Structures are given as structure tokens and as C-alpha cells.
């Protein structure tokens, strides 16, 4: 099975021995995203701004893979504090106006 490494400057680059994403067959797998602005390398301030930046980063990876957010079938969200769940959930939901992906959310 062949795989294609995703590389885009519209999402934060890999800073270790991993890829931003991999396409294998008709599936794309993305590395975890933080609320980092790829242009500045800076973490957005506040949970809402970080969640919005994360969704922009994921959209950029989808586009680099030749797809869109509509094709996402499963996500996992890691929160530092479950008190941020409502804010993150609101922003997340706005980026999936149609059928929502299956999802797990955990506090770490």
C-alpha cells in the first residue's frame, strides 16, 4: 500500500519525527493540532481562539489531502479542562454544518 506525506505551510509544520499528515488509499490521517498560527508559530490566546485556529489548521490539512471538512469521519478532542467543553463544542460544531463526524472528547 502506498502512502503520501502531506505537507502544507497553511498548518503548523511537524517539529519532530512525524508528518503533518498521511494519505493512504482513500483515507487521510492528520497529526494532532494545537492552536498554533502557522504564519507566526505562536499559540493563539484563549481557548476559543485556539479552537478556531485548530479548525483552520485541520481545514488546511484536508485541502492539502485533496478533500474538505465534509469528508472527515472521526475526530478526537483532548481538552486540558472540561470546563472548556462548551466553547470548544460551539466552535467545532460551526465548522461541521452538515453531518457531523463521530467524535471522542477527553480531558487530559
C-alpha atoms as a PDB file:
ATOM      1  CA  UNK A   1       0.000   0.000   0.000  1.00  0.00           C
ATOM      2  CA  UNK A   2       1.369   3.386  -0.956  1.00  0.00           C
ATOM      3  CA  UNK A   3       1.241   6.418   1.263  1.00  0.00           C
ATOM      4  CA  UNK A   4       1.632  10.100   0.527  1.00  0.00           C
ATOM      5  CA  UNK A   5       3.088  12.505   3.075  1.00  0.00           C
ATOM      6  CA  UNK A   6       1.076  15.717   3.437  1.00  0.00           C
ATOM      7  CA  UNK A   7       2.998  18.972   3.611  1.00  0.00           C
ATOM      8  CA  UNK A   8       1.398  22.406   3.758  1.00  0.00           C
ATOM      9  CA  UNK A   9       2.552  25.774   5.028  1.00  0.00           C
ATOM     10  CA  UNK A  10      -1.077  26.570   5.894  1.00  0.00           C
ATOM     11  CA  UNK A  11      -0.863  24.394   9.040  1.00  0.00           C
ATOM     12  CA  UNK A  12       1.928  24.137  11.621  1.00  0.00           C
ATOM     13  CA  UNK A  13       4.816  22.003  10.436  1.00  0.00           C
ATOM     14  CA  UNK A  14       5.985  18.851  12.138  1.00  0.00           C
ATOM     15  CA  UNK A  15       8.695  19.594  14.705  1.00  0.00           C
ATOM     16  CA  UNK A  16       9.728  16.021  15.343  1.00  0.00           C
ATOM     17  CA  UNK A  17       9.958  12.650  13.626  1.00  0.00           C
ATOM     18  CA  UNK A  18       6.375  12.652  12.313  1.00  0.00           C
ATOM     19  CA  UNK A  19       4.353  14.059   9.409  1.00  0.00           C
ATOM     20  CA  UNK A  20       1.633  16.690   9.341  1.00  0.00           C
ATOM     21  CA  UNK A  21      -0.481  14.012   7.772  1.00  0.00           C
ATOM     22  CA  UNK A  22      -0.505  10.878   5.659  1.00  0.00           C
ATOM     23  CA  UNK A  23      -2.828   9.839   2.841  1.00  0.00           C
ATOM     24  CA  UNK A  24      -3.189   6.105   2.374  1.00  0.00           C
ATOM     25  CA  UNK A  25      -5.710   4.883  -0.147  1.00  0.00           C
ATOM     26  CA  UNK A  26      -8.871   6.939   0.280  1.00  0.00           C
ATOM     27  CA  UNK A  27      -8.081   7.851   3.898  1.00  0.00           C
ATOM     28  CA  UNK A  28      -6.145  10.784   5.323  1.00  0.00           C
ATOM     29  CA  UNK A  29      -4.720  10.794   8.846  1.00  0.00           C
ATOM     30  CA  UNK A  30      -3.610  14.034  10.492  1.00  0.00           C
ATOM     31  CA  UNK A  31      -1.259  14.568  13.401  1.00  0.00           C
ATOM     32  CA  UNK A  32      -2.751  16.301  16.432  1.00  0.00           C
ATOM     33  CA  UNK A  33      -3.244  20.026  16.155  1.00  0.00           C
ATOM     34  CA  UNK A  34      -2.660  22.807  18.642  1.00  0.00           C
ATOM     35  CA  UNK A  35      -3.944  26.332  18.252  1.00  0.00           C
ATOM     36  CA  UNK A  36      -0.719  27.424  16.566  1.00  0.00           C
ATOM     37  CA  UNK A  37      -0.801  30.026  13.826  1.00  0.00           C
ATOM     38  CA  UNK A  38       1.351  28.557  11.034  1.00  0.00           C
ATOM     39  CA  UNK A  39       2.427  32.021   9.875  1.00  0.00           C
ATOM     40  CA  UNK A  40       3.814  33.108  13.246  1.00  0.00           C
ATOM     41  CA  UNK A  41       4.309  29.854  15.144  1.00  0.00           C
ATOM     42  CA  UNK A  42       2.529  31.490  18.071  1.00  0.00           C
ATOM     43  CA  UNK A  43      -0.185  29.860  20.173  1.00  0.00           C
ATOM     44  CA  UNK A  44      -3.487  31.725  19.920  1.00  0.00           C
ATOM     45  CA  UNK A  45      -4.617  33.371  23.163  1.00  0.00           C
ATOM     46  CA  UNK A  46      -7.517  31.727  24.928  1.00  0.00           C
ATOM     47  CA  UNK A  47      -9.405  28.506  24.370  1.00  0.00           C
ATOM     48  CA  UNK A  48     -11.853  29.954  21.828  1.00  0.00           C
ATOM     49  CA  UNK A  49      -9.089  31.409  19.647  1.00  0.00           C
ATOM     50  CA  UNK A  50      -7.102  28.175  19.933  1.00  0.00           C
ATOM     51  CA  UNK A  51     -10.116  26.072  18.931  1.00  0.00           C
ATOM     52  CA  UNK A  52     -10.761  28.316  15.930  1.00  0.00           C
ATOM     53  CA  UNK A  53      -7.110  28.075  14.836  1.00  0.00           C
ATOM     54  CA  UNK A  54      -7.160  24.305  15.229  1.00  0.00           C
ATOM     55  CA  UNK A  55     -10.167  24.070  12.935  1.00  0.00           C
ATOM     56  CA  UNK A  56      -8.390  26.288  10.367  1.00  0.00           C
ATOM     57  CA  UNK A  57      -5.341  24.022  10.583  1.00  0.00           C
ATOM     58  CA  UNK A  58      -7.475  20.922  10.055  1.00  0.00           C
ATOM     59  CA  UNK A  59      -9.192  22.542   7.076  1.00  0.00           C
ATOM     60  CA  UNK A  60      -5.777  23.323   5.558  1.00  0.00           C
ATOM     61  CA  UNK A  61      -4.725  19.694   6.000  1.00  0.00           C
ATOM     62  CA  UNK A  62      -7.968  18.492   4.401  1.00  0.00           C
ATOM     63  CA  UNK A  63      -7.305  20.729   1.412  1.00  0.00           C
ATOM     64  CA  UNK A  64      -3.682  19.535   1.179  1.00  0.00           C
ATOM     65  CA  UNK A  65      -5.051  15.991   1.043  1.00  0.00           C
ATOM     66  CA  UNK A  66      -7.385  16.968  -1.800  1.00  0.00           C
ATOM     67  CA  UNK A  67     -10.519  16.867   0.339  1.00  0.00           C
ATOM     68  CA  UNK A  68     -12.652  19.017   2.583  1.00  0.00           C
ATOM     69  CA  UNK A  69     -14.030  19.059   6.112  1.00  0.00           C
ATOM     70  CA  UNK A  70     -17.143  17.295   4.780  1.00  0.00           C
ATOM     71  CA  UNK A  71     -15.050  14.135   4.339  1.00  0.00           C
ATOM     72  CA  UNK A  72     -13.985  13.866   7.985  1.00  0.00           C
ATOM     73  CA  UNK A  73     -15.461  10.744   9.565  1.00  0.00           C
ATOM     74  CA  UNK A  74     -13.851  10.677  13.062  1.00  0.00           C
ATOM     75  CA  UNK A  75     -12.211  13.175  15.383  1.00  0.00           C
ATOM     76  CA  UNK A  76     -10.709  13.111  18.852  1.00  0.00           C
ATOM     77  CA  UNK A  77     -10.540  16.192  21.064  1.00  0.00           C
ATOM     78  CA  UNK A  78      -8.214  16.430  24.049  1.00  0.00           C
ATOM     79  CA  UNK A  79      -9.088  19.212  26.498  1.00  0.00           C
ATOM     80  CA  UNK A  80      -6.947  20.404  29.362  1.00  0.00           C
ATOM     81  CA  UNK A  81     -10.089  21.318  31.277  1.00  0.00           C
ATOM     82  CA  UNK A  82     -13.633  20.022  30.705  1.00  0.00           C
ATOM     83  CA  UNK A  83     -14.865  23.494  31.673  1.00  0.00           C
ATOM     84  CA  UNK A  84     -13.792  24.485  28.137  1.00  0.00           C
ATOM     85  CA  UNK A  85     -16.071  21.862  26.554  1.00  0.00           C
ATOM     86  CA  UNK A  86     -18.973  24.205  25.705  1.00  0.00           C
ATOM     87  CA  UNK A  87     -16.762  26.809  23.999  1.00  0.00           C
ATOM     88  CA  UNK A  88     -14.834  24.219  22.004  1.00  0.00           C
ATOM     89  CA  UNK A  89     -18.029  22.366  21.110  1.00  0.00           C
ATOM     90  CA  UNK A  90     -19.620  25.568  19.761  1.00  0.00           C
ATOM     91  CA  UNK A  91     -16.648  26.365  17.518  1.00  0.00           C
ATOM     92  CA  UNK A  92     -16.250  22.749  16.419  1.00  0.00           C
ATOM     93  CA  UNK A  93     -19.941  22.494  15.504  1.00  0.00           C
ATOM     94  CA  UNK A  94     -19.784  25.659  13.398  1.00  0.00           C
ATOM     95  CA  UNK A  95     -17.158  24.012  11.190  1.00  0.00           C
ATOM     96  CA  UNK A  96     -19.350  20.976  10.524  1.00  0.00           C
ATOM     97  CA  UNK A  97     -22.721  22.419   9.434  1.00  0.00           C
ATOM     98  CA  UNK A  98     -23.850  19.166   7.786  1.00  0.00           C
ATOM     99  CA  UNK A  99     -23.414  15.618   9.008  1.00  0.00           C
ATOM    100  CA  UNK A 100     -21.076  15.656  11.990  1.00  0.00           C
ATOM    101  CA  UNK A 101     -18.141  13.229  12.288  1.00  0.00           C
ATOM    102  CA  UNK A 102     -18.074  10.609  15.015  1.00  0.00           C
ATOM    103  CA  UNK A 103     -16.133  12.073  17.942  1.00  0.00           C
ATOM    104  CA  UNK A 104     -14.455  11.339  21.250  1.00  0.00           C
ATOM    105  CA  UNK A 105     -13.652  14.121  23.741  1.00  0.00           C
ATOM    106  CA  UNK A 106     -11.498  13.563  26.812  1.00  0.00           C
ATOM    107  CA  UNK A 107      -9.841  15.719  29.425  1.00  0.00           C
ATOM    108  CA  UNK A 108      -6.130  15.166  29.864  1.00  0.00           C
END
